[in-house]
C-alpha atoms as a PDB file:
ATOM      1  CA  MET A   1      38.159 -20.928  15.413  1.00  0.00           C
ATOM      2  CA  GLY A   2      38.184 -19.871  12.235  1.00  0.00           C
ATOM      3  CA  HIS A   3      36.251 -17.787   9.739  1.00  0.00           C
ATOM      4  CA  MET A   4      32.698 -18.670  10.724  1.00  0.00           C
ATOM      5  CA  GLY A   5      30.159 -18.706   7.429  1.00  0.00           C
ATOM      6  CA  HIS A   6      27.161 -16.559   7.208  1.00  0.00           C
ATOM      7  CA  LEU A   7      23.072 -18.173   6.149  1.00  0.00           C
ATOM      8  CA  ILE A   8      21.039 -15.059   4.982  1.00  0.00           C
ATOM      9  CA  LEU A   9      17.279 -16.144   4.249  1.00  0.00           C
ATOM     10  CA  VAL A  10      15.742 -13.698   2.260  1.00  0.00           C
ATOM     11  CA  ARG A  11      11.282 -13.408   1.712  1.00  0.00           C
ATOM     12  CA  HIS A  12      10.925 -12.428  -1.900  1.00  0.00           C
ATOM     13  CA  ALA A  13       9.864  -9.346  -1.788  1.00  0.00           C
ATOM     14  CA  LYS A  14       5.964  -7.958  -2.656  1.00  0.00           C
ATOM     15  CA  SER A  15       4.144 -10.366  -5.113  1.00  0.00           C
ATOM     16  CA  GLN A  16       1.285  -8.682  -7.137  1.00  0.00           C
ATOM     17  CA  TRP A  17      -0.767 -10.960  -5.224  1.00  0.00           C
ATOM     18  CA  ASN A  18       0.479 -10.345  -1.766  1.00  0.00           C
ATOM     19  CA  ALA A  19      -0.783  -6.621  -2.388  1.00  0.00           C
ATOM     20  CA  LEU A  20      -4.183  -8.472  -2.874  1.00  0.00           C
ATOM     21  CA  GLY A  21      -4.140 -10.562   0.204  1.00  0.00           C
ATOM     22  CA  LYS A  22      -4.906 -13.752  -1.953  1.00  0.00           C
ATOM     23  CA  TRP A  23      -2.517 -17.043  -0.849  1.00  0.00           C
ATOM     24  CA  THR A  24      -0.081 -17.604  -3.538  1.00  0.00           C
ATOM     25  CA  GLY A  25       1.382 -20.711  -2.928  1.00  0.00           C
ATOM     26  CA  LEU A  26       2.657 -22.413  -5.645  1.00  0.00           C
ATOM     27  CA  HIS A  27       0.808 -19.710  -8.346  1.00  0.00           C
ATOM     28  CA  ASP A  28       4.312 -18.070 -10.331  1.00  0.00           C
ATOM     29  CA  ILE A  29       3.459 -14.373  -9.896  1.00  0.00           C
ATOM     30  CA  SER A  30       5.859 -12.157 -10.038  1.00  0.00           C
ATOM     31  CA  LEU A  31       6.806  -9.249  -7.722  1.00  0.00           C
ATOM     32  CA  SER A  32       4.944  -5.590  -7.760  1.00  0.00           C
ATOM     33  CA  ASP A  33       6.379  -2.701  -8.576  1.00  0.00           C
ATOM     34  CA  GLU A  34       6.390  -1.947  -4.976  1.00  0.00           C
ATOM     35  CA  GLY A  35       8.454  -5.355  -4.429  1.00  0.00           C
ATOM     36  CA  ARG A  36      10.953  -5.016  -7.298  1.00  0.00           C
ATOM     37  CA  ALA A  37      12.270  -1.649  -5.155  1.00  0.00           C
ATOM     38  CA  GLN A  38      11.809  -3.427  -2.126  1.00  0.00           C
ATOM     39  CA  ALA A  39      14.343  -5.864  -3.277  1.00  0.00           C
ATOM     40  CA  ALA A  40      16.670  -3.114  -3.790  1.00  0.00           C
ATOM     41  CA  GLU A  41      16.121  -1.831  -0.248  1.00  0.00           C
ATOM     42  CA  THR A  42      16.560  -5.564   0.605  1.00  0.00           C
ATOM     43  CA  ALA A  43      19.950  -5.898  -1.056  1.00  0.00           C
ATOM     44  CA  VAL A  44      20.748  -1.865   0.559  1.00  0.00           C
ATOM     45  CA  HIS A  45      20.764  -3.864   3.852  1.00  0.00           C
ATOM     46  CA  LEU A  46      22.909  -7.291   2.275  1.00  0.00           C
ATOM     47  CA  LYS A  47      25.481  -4.783   1.753  1.00  0.00           C
ATOM     48  CA  GLY A  48      29.004  -6.006   2.905  1.00  0.00           C
ATOM     49  CA  ILE A  49      28.771  -9.620   3.004  1.00  0.00           C
ATOM     50  CA  ASP A  50      30.157 -11.250   1.008  1.00  0.00           C
ATOM     51  CA  ILE A  51      27.615 -13.495  -1.085  1.00  0.00           C
ATOM     52  CA  HIS A  52      29.657 -16.825  -2.356  1.00  0.00           C
ATOM     53  CA  LYS A  53      26.511 -18.908  -3.163  1.00  0.00           C
ATOM     54  CA  ALA A  54      22.754 -18.162  -3.604  1.00  0.00           C
ATOM     55  CA  TYR A  55      19.987 -20.390  -3.602  1.00  0.00           C
ATOM     56  CA  THR A  56      16.183 -19.767  -4.600  1.00  0.00           C
ATOM     57  CA  SER A  57      13.198 -21.852  -5.179  1.00  0.00           C
ATOM     58  CA  ALA A  58      11.414 -22.483  -9.167  1.00  0.00           C
ATOM     59  CA  LEU A  59       9.318 -19.576  -8.318  1.00  0.00           C
ATOM     60  CA  LYS A  60       9.171 -16.231 -10.536  1.00  0.00           C
ATOM     61  CA  ARG A  61       8.928 -13.705  -6.870  1.00  0.00           C
ATOM     62  CA  ALA A  62      11.529 -14.975  -5.556  1.00  0.00           C
ATOM     63  CA  LYS A  63      14.282 -15.668  -8.313  1.00  0.00           C
ATOM     64  CA  GLU A  64      13.425 -12.032  -9.509  1.00  0.00           C
ATOM     65  CA  THR A  65      13.989 -10.461  -5.540  1.00  0.00           C
ATOM     66  CA  LEU A  66      17.283 -12.736  -5.675  1.00  0.00           C
ATOM     67  CA  GLU A  67      18.176 -11.002  -9.267  1.00  0.00           C
ATOM     68  CA  ILE A  68      18.060  -8.037  -8.400  1.00  0.00           C
ATOM     69  CA  ILE A  69      20.029  -8.539  -4.996  1.00  0.00           C
ATOM     70  CA  VAL A  70      22.049 -10.268  -7.567  1.00  0.00           C
ATOM     71  CA  GLU A  71      22.515  -6.649  -9.486  1.00  0.00           C
ATOM     72  CA  TYR A  72      22.862  -4.225  -6.473  1.00  0.00           C
ATOM     73  CA  LEU A  73      25.386  -6.237  -4.972  1.00  0.00           C
ATOM     74  CA  GLY A  74      27.837  -7.084  -7.981  1.00  0.00           C
ATOM     75  CA  ILE A  75      27.675 -11.071  -6.598  1.00  0.00           C
ATOM     76  CA  SER A  76      29.462 -13.310  -9.309  1.00  0.00           C
ATOM     77  CA  ALA A  77      28.841 -16.377  -6.969  1.00  0.00           C
ATOM     78  CA  PRO A  78      27.028 -19.372  -8.668  1.00  0.00           C
ATOM     79  CA  VAL A  79      22.740 -19.670  -7.823  1.00  0.00           C
ATOM     80  CA  ILE A  80      20.617 -22.646  -7.557  1.00  0.00           C
ATOM     81  CA  ALA A  81      17.053 -22.834  -8.604  1.00  0.00           C
ATOM     82  CA  HIS A  82      15.189 -25.255  -6.727  1.00  0.00           C
ATOM     83  CA  PRO A  83      11.536 -26.417  -6.091  1.00  0.00           C
ATOM     84  CA  ALA A  84      12.459 -28.444  -3.190  1.00  0.00           C
ATOM     85  CA  LEU A  85      12.738 -24.748  -1.220  1.00  0.00           C
ATOM     86  CA  ASN A  86       9.048 -23.562  -3.126  1.00  0.00           C
ATOM     87  CA  GLU A  87       5.854 -22.111  -0.630  1.00  0.00           C
ATOM     88  CA  ARG A  88       3.771 -24.064   0.530  1.00  0.00           C
ATOM     89  CA  ASP A  89       1.092 -25.254  -1.270  1.00  0.00           C
ATOM     90  CA  TYR A  90      -1.859 -24.371  -0.061  1.00  0.00           C
ATOM     91  CA  GLY A  91      -4.359 -26.581  -2.497  1.00  0.00           C
ATOM     92  CA  ILE A  92      -8.135 -25.863  -2.944  1.00  0.00           C
ATOM     93  CA  PHE A  93      -6.870 -22.574  -0.768  1.00  0.00           C
ATOM     94  CA  THR A  94      -4.685 -21.084  -3.398  1.00  0.00           C
ATOM     95  CA  GLY A  95      -5.515 -18.154  -4.914  1.00  0.00           C
ATOM     96  CA  GLU A  96      -8.392 -17.040  -2.649  1.00  0.00           C
ATOM     97  CA  ASN A  97      -8.048 -14.068  -0.631  1.00  0.00           C
ATOM     98  CA  LYS A  98      -6.935 -14.512   2.862  1.00  0.00           C
ATOM     99  CA  TRP A  99      -9.254 -12.549   5.572  1.00  0.00           C
ATOM    100  CA  GLY A 100     -12.038 -13.624   2.889  1.00  0.00           C
ATOM    101  CA  VAL A 101     -11.247 -17.329   3.887  1.00  0.00           C
ATOM    102  CA  LYS A 102     -11.115 -16.122   7.720  1.00  0.00           C
ATOM    103  CA  GLU A 103     -14.250 -15.025   7.943  1.00  0.00           C
ATOM    104  CA  LYS A 104     -15.531 -17.961   6.852  1.00  0.00           C
ATOM    105  CA  ILE A 105     -13.799 -20.745   8.557  1.00  0.00           C
ATOM    106  CA  GLY A 106     -13.832 -17.954  11.527  1.00  0.00           C
ATOM    107  CA  GLU A 107     -10.252 -17.418  13.185  1.00  0.00           C
ATOM    108  CA  ALA A 108      -8.618 -20.245  15.533  1.00  0.00           C
ATOM    109  CA  GLU A 109      -9.275 -22.410  12.187  1.00  0.00           C
ATOM    110  CA  PHE A 110      -8.024 -19.793   9.757  1.00  0.00           C
ATOM    111  CA  GLN A 111      -4.965 -19.476  12.425  1.00  0.00           C
ATOM    112  CA  LYS A 112      -4.040 -23.298  12.438  1.00  0.00           C
ATOM    113  CA  ILE A 113      -5.083 -22.951   8.557  1.00  0.00           C
ATOM    114  CA  ARG A 114      -2.462 -19.776   8.634  1.00  0.00           C
ATOM    115  CA  ARG A 115       0.309 -20.366  10.925  1.00  0.00           C
ATOM    116  CA  GLY A 116       0.165 -24.464  12.476  1.00  0.00           C
ATOM    117  CA  TRP A 117       2.720 -27.166  12.246  1.00  0.00           C
ATOM    118  CA  ASP A 118       0.148 -30.543  10.564  1.00  0.00           C
ATOM    119  CA  THR A 119      -3.395 -28.802   9.936  1.00  0.00           C
ATOM    120  CA  PRO A 120      -3.857 -29.985   6.103  1.00  0.00           C
ATOM    121  CA  ILE A 121      -5.315 -28.618   3.734  1.00  0.00           C
ATOM    122  CA  GLU A 122      -6.916 -30.467   0.996  1.00  0.00           C
ATOM    123  CA  GLY A 123      -4.821 -30.908  -1.913  1.00  0.00           C
ATOM    124  CA  GLY A 124      -1.949 -29.180   0.084  1.00  0.00           C
ATOM    125  CA  GLU A 125       0.757 -28.998   2.390  1.00  0.00           C
ATOM    126  CA  THR A 126       1.141 -28.570   6.055  1.00  0.00           C
ATOM    127  CA  LEU A 127       4.472 -26.558   7.390  1.00  0.00           C
ATOM    128  CA  LYS A 128       5.770 -30.087   8.181  1.00  0.00           C
ATOM    129  CA  ASP A 129       5.885 -31.193   4.847  1.00  0.00           C
ATOM    130  CA  VAL A 130       7.118 -27.868   3.440  1.00  0.00           C
ATOM    131  CA  HIS A 131       9.557 -28.824   5.670  1.00  0.00           C
ATOM    132  CA  ASP A 132       9.948 -32.279   5.149  1.00  0.00           C
ATOM    133  CA  ARG A 133      12.107 -31.564   1.984  1.00  0.00           C
ATOM    134  CA  VAL A 134      12.871 -27.778   2.668  1.00  0.00           C
ATOM    135  CA  VAL A 135      15.499 -28.726   5.520  1.00  0.00           C
ATOM    136  CA  PRO A 136      17.220 -32.475   3.338  1.00  0.00           C
ATOM    137  CA  TYR A 137      17.930 -30.324   0.864  1.00  0.00           C
ATOM    138  CA  PHE A 138      19.419 -27.869   3.470  1.00  0.00           C
ATOM    139  CA  LYS A 139      21.964 -30.779   5.691  1.00  0.00           C
ATOM    140  CA  GLU A 140      22.452 -31.640   1.604  1.00  0.00           C
ATOM    141  CA  HIS A 141      23.160 -28.743  -0.644  1.00  0.00           C
ATOM    142  CA  VAL A 142      24.136 -25.580   1.459  1.00  0.00           C
ATOM    143  CA  LEU A 143      25.354 -26.029   5.215  1.00  0.00           C
ATOM    144  CA  PRO A 144      27.702 -28.111   3.920  1.00  0.00           C
ATOM    145  CA  ASP A 145      29.581 -24.174   2.095  1.00  0.00           C
ATOM    146  CA  VAL A 146      28.114 -23.063   5.246  1.00  0.00           C
ATOM    147  CA  LYS A 147      30.195 -25.496   7.771  1.00  0.00           C
ATOM    148  CA  ALA A 148      33.085 -24.460   5.396  1.00  0.00           C
ATOM    149  CA  GLY A 149      33.729 -20.615   5.716  1.00  0.00           C
ATOM    150  CA  LYS A 150      31.598 -20.030   2.992  1.00  0.00           C
ATOM    151  CA  ASN A 151      28.127 -17.163   2.871  1.00  0.00           C
ATOM    152  CA  ALA A 152      25.318 -18.599   1.515  1.00  0.00           C
ATOM    153  CA  LEU A 153      21.928 -16.498   0.144  1.00  0.00           C
ATOM    154  CA  ILE A 154      18.826 -18.145   0.462  1.00  0.00           C
ATOM    155  CA  VAL A 155      16.076 -15.778  -1.279  1.00  0.00           C
ATOM    156  CA  ALA A 156      12.617 -18.428  -0.341  1.00  0.00           C
ATOM    157  CA  HIS A 157       9.350 -18.165   0.587  1.00  0.00           C
ATOM    158  CA  GLY A 158       7.337 -17.222   3.955  1.00  0.00           C
ATOM    159  CA  ASN A 159       6.813 -21.135   4.428  1.00  0.00           C
ATOM    160  CA  SER A 160       9.510 -21.920   2.900  1.00  0.00           C
ATOM    161  CA  LEU A 161      11.888 -19.876   5.194  1.00  0.00           C
ATOM    162  CA  ARG A 162      10.097 -20.543   8.915  1.00  0.00           C
ATOM    163  CA  ALA A 163      10.295 -24.623   8.348  1.00  0.00           C
ATOM    164  CA  LEU A 164      13.857 -23.743   7.745  1.00  0.00           C
ATOM    165  CA  VAL A 165      13.889 -21.591  10.863  1.00  0.00           C
ATOM    166  CA  LYS A 166      12.979 -24.433  12.890  1.00  0.00           C
ATOM    167  CA  HIS A 167      15.149 -26.750  11.902  1.00  0.00           C
ATOM    168  CA  LEU A 168      17.884 -23.802  12.772  1.00  0.00           C
ATOM    169  CA  GLU A 169      16.469 -22.745  16.133  1.00  0.00           C
ATOM    170  CA  ASP A 170      14.734 -25.610  17.318  1.00  0.00           C
ATOM    171  CA  ILE A 171      11.356 -24.140  17.777  1.00  0.00           C
ATOM    172  CA  SER A 172       8.568 -26.304  18.823  1.00  0.00           C
ATOM    173  CA  ASP A 173       5.834 -27.497  16.719  1.00  0.00           C
ATOM    174  CA  GLU A 174       3.469 -25.040  18.798  1.00  0.00           C
ATOM    175  CA  ALA A 175       5.490 -22.378  19.181  1.00  0.00           C
ATOM    176  CA  ILE A 176       6.084 -22.061  15.309  1.00  0.00           C
ATOM    177  CA  ALA A 177       3.093 -20.826  15.088  1.00  0.00           C
ATOM    178  CA  ASP A 178       4.588 -17.462  16.198  1.00  0.00           C
ATOM    179  CA  VAL A 179       7.266 -16.599  13.537  1.00  0.00           C
ATOM    180  CA  GLU A 180       6.488 -14.489  10.769  1.00  0.00           C
ATOM    181  CA  ILE A 181       8.959 -13.392   8.232  1.00  0.00           C
ATOM    182  CA  GLY A 182       7.924 -10.261   6.218  1.00  0.00           C
ATOM    183  CA  VAL A 183       8.329  -9.564   2.089  1.00  0.00           C
ATOM    184  CA  GLY A 184      11.584  -8.644   2.103  1.00  0.00           C
ATOM    185  CA  GLU A 185      13.300  -8.916   5.654  1.00  0.00           C
ATOM    186  CA  ALA A 186      16.357 -11.067   5.573  1.00  0.00           C
ATOM    187  CA  HIS A 187      18.112 -13.086   8.403  1.00  0.00           C
ATOM    188  CA  VAL A 188      21.527 -12.907   8.963  1.00  0.00           C
ATOM    189  CA  TYR A 189      22.948 -15.711  11.276  1.00  0.00           C
ATOM    190  CA  ARG A 190      26.546 -17.428  11.656  1.00  0.00           C
ATOM    191  CA  LEU A 191      26.855 -21.113  12.233  1.00  0.00           C
ATOM    192  CA  ASP A 192      29.966 -22.475  13.877  1.00  0.00           C
ATOM    193  CA  LYS A 193      31.614 -25.276  12.212  1.00  0.00           C
ATOM    194  CA  GLU A 194      29.251 -27.607  12.882  1.00  0.00           C
ATOM    195  CA  GLY A 195      26.685 -25.810  11.846  1.00  0.00           C
ATOM    196  CA  LYS A 196      25.285 -25.041  15.126  1.00  0.00           C
ATOM    197  CA  ILE A 197      24.376 -20.426  16.068  1.00  0.00           C
ATOM    198  CA  ILE A 198      26.633 -18.186  16.954  1.00  0.00           C
ATOM    199  CA  SER A 199      24.689 -15.653  16.865  1.00  0.00           C
ATOM    200  CA  LYS A 200      21.536 -14.058  14.113  1.00  0.00           C
ATOM    201  CA  HIS A 201      20.533 -10.467  13.179  1.00  0.00           C
ATOM    202  CA  ILE A 202      17.200  -9.434  11.044  1.00  0.00           C
ATOM    203  CA  ARG A 203      18.153  -6.738   8.359  1.00  0.00           C
ATOM    204  CA  ALA A 204      15.619  -4.879   6.349  1.00  0.00           C
ATOM    205  CA  GLU A 205      13.230  -5.461   9.401  1.00  0.00           C
ATOM    206  CA  ASN A 206       9.814  -5.039   7.691  1.00  0.00           C
ATOM    207  CA  ALA A 207       6.567  -4.429  10.540  1.00  0.00           C
ATOM    208  CA  GLN A 208       3.820  -5.214   8.068  1.00  0.00           C
ATOM    209  CA  LYS A 209       4.910  -8.319   8.159  1.00  0.00           C
ATOM    210  CA  GLY A 210       0.791  -9.047  10.167  1.00  0.00           C
ATOM    211  CA  LYS A 211      -0.746  -8.045   6.775  1.00  0.00           C
ATOM    212  CA  ILE A 212       0.852  -9.813   4.213  1.00  0.00           C
END
């Protein structure tokens, strides 16, 4: 059957704005002290997986998470940062407190904006827009290595990873609303040489995910 490649998806650890409940989007904020400790904890859970290539977004909170993981694991693999993996642009809601927005617009509308597939935000992106930049990048740059039996790590964001998981697991437009990835969480997939999933397990599972 040949060597299976692993694809490891990690959501960046807690940032200064996660801690405040703000929608961060493309605002380039650093990890909080708690987040730095959390990234080191995530690294512990990835011990034993040889990383051949690492990818991250162009945003500091993802890059810093990856740097901590790389340092802890002693990874010498190439690291590539690309804006295709950036978080969703929250447009007019960037910097707003999520729970304040929820009070203003109501639970149903809030959940559609927060978790829906194609709900627009003025001046921002839908999850579908994020999917349309993440998936082509993944197919062109990451997938060929994994198909060839290499292990690739992607450290990115709640929505860029949800978009990728939707593609990988063939999740419907409706069901993607129920998919959430906690900060610092790692999802480890084994893929065959066709790029199909053989197995998946979650490491460093974050029970707090619904709150962030």
